[in-house]
Amino acid sequence: MSETATTHRHWLLVIEGDVEPYLIGPLDEHEVLPRAREHRAEDPSAEDGLYYLTLDANGDLAVCAFSGEELEG
């Protein structure tokens, strides 16, 4: 296993209606994008913000946005 797979934790951050945040996870790294796609399919108006959140072994937090192409794929 790679260091990333064993030392990083991953979540899907959902900002419901771009107002109310909640987390789904922790998830395995490969589970985050499929969960985001699943959520987007259930939110056809695309009102919810979807973000990828990672916490590394040093306690550093990173939040990244998904592109429209990633969510449609």
Protein backbone atom coordinates (compact mmCIF):
# COMPACT_ATOMS: atom_id res chain seq x y z
CA MET A 1 0.00 0.00 0.00
CA SER A 2 1.16 3.50 -0.69
CA GLU A 3 1.80 6.03 2.05
CA THR A 4 -1.21 8.06 0.84
CA ALA A 5 -3.55 5.11 1.20
CA THR A 6 -2.44 4.37 4.76
CA THR A 7 -1.87 7.81 6.26
CA HIS A 8 -4.42 10.11 4.63
CA ARG A 9 -8.11 10.28 5.44
CA HIS A 10 -10.71 11.38 2.89
CA TRP A 11 -14.26 12.74 3.04
CA LEU A 12 -16.89 14.13 0.72
CA LEU A 13 -17.83 17.59 1.99
CA VAL A 14 -21.37 18.53 0.97
CA ILE A 15 -22.59 22.10 1.38
CA GLU A 16 -26.33 21.56 1.13
CA GLY A 17 -27.91 24.43 -0.81
CA ASP A 18 -24.46 26.05 -0.55
CA VAL A 19 -25.43 26.87 3.07
CA GLU A 20 -25.40 23.83 5.39
CA PRO A 21 -22.18 21.75 5.51
CA TYR A 22 -21.89 18.06 6.35
CA LEU A 23 -19.33 15.32 5.79
CA ILE A 24 -19.69 11.85 4.30
CA GLY A 25 -16.91 9.56 5.45
CA PRO A 26 -14.20 8.93 6.16
CA LEU A 27 -13.94 7.11 2.85
CA ASP A 28 -11.23 5.30 0.95
CA GLU A 29 -9.63 7.65 -1.58
CA HIS A 30 -11.19 5.79 -4.53
CA GLU A 31 -14.70 6.11 -3.01
CA VAL A 32 -14.90 9.91 -2.86
CA LEU A 33 -15.58 10.69 -6.55
CA PRO A 34 -18.22 7.96 -7.00
CA ARG A 35 -20.03 9.21 -3.88
CA ALA A 36 -19.90 12.77 -5.25
CA ARG A 37 -21.33 11.58 -8.57
CA GLU A 38 -24.07 9.68 -6.74
CA HIS A 39 -24.95 12.78 -4.73
CA ARG A 40 -25.00 14.98 -7.85
CA ALA A 41 -27.34 12.50 -9.58
CA GLU A 42 -29.74 12.89 -6.63
CA ASP A 43 -29.40 16.71 -6.80
CA PRO A 44 -30.34 17.55 -10.42
CA SER A 45 -30.57 21.27 -9.65
CA ALA A 46 -26.89 21.12 -8.58
CA GLU A 47 -27.64 23.41 -5.64
CA ASP A 48 -25.32 21.51 -3.30
CA GLY A 49 -21.61 22.31 -3.30
CA LEU A 50 -19.42 19.19 -3.41
CA TYR A 51 -15.82 19.17 -2.27
CA TYR A 52 -13.05 16.63 -1.64
CA LEU A 53 -11.52 16.90 1.83
CA THR A 54 -8.23 15.21 2.78
CA LEU A 55 -6.45 15.10 6.14
CA ASP A 56 -2.84 13.95 5.92
CA ALA A 57 -0.68 12.28 8.58
CA ASN A 58 0.74 15.69 9.63
CA GLY A 59 -2.75 17.03 10.35
CA ASP A 60 -2.79 19.25 7.26
CA LEU A 61 -6.24 19.67 5.78
CA ALA A 62 -6.88 20.20 2.07
CA VAL A 63 -10.22 21.00 0.45
CA CYS A 64 -10.55 20.74 -3.33
CA ALA A 65 -13.45 21.34 -5.71
CA PHE A 66 -14.64 18.84 -8.30
CA SER A 67 -14.82 19.93 -11.92
CA GLY A 68 -18.11 19.58 -13.76
CA GLU A 69 -16.47 16.97 -16.01
CA GLU A 70 -15.47 14.85 -13.01
CA LEU A 71 -19.01 14.83 -11.66
CA GLU A 72 -20.54 14.01 -15.04
CA GLY A 73 -18.10 11.18 -15.80
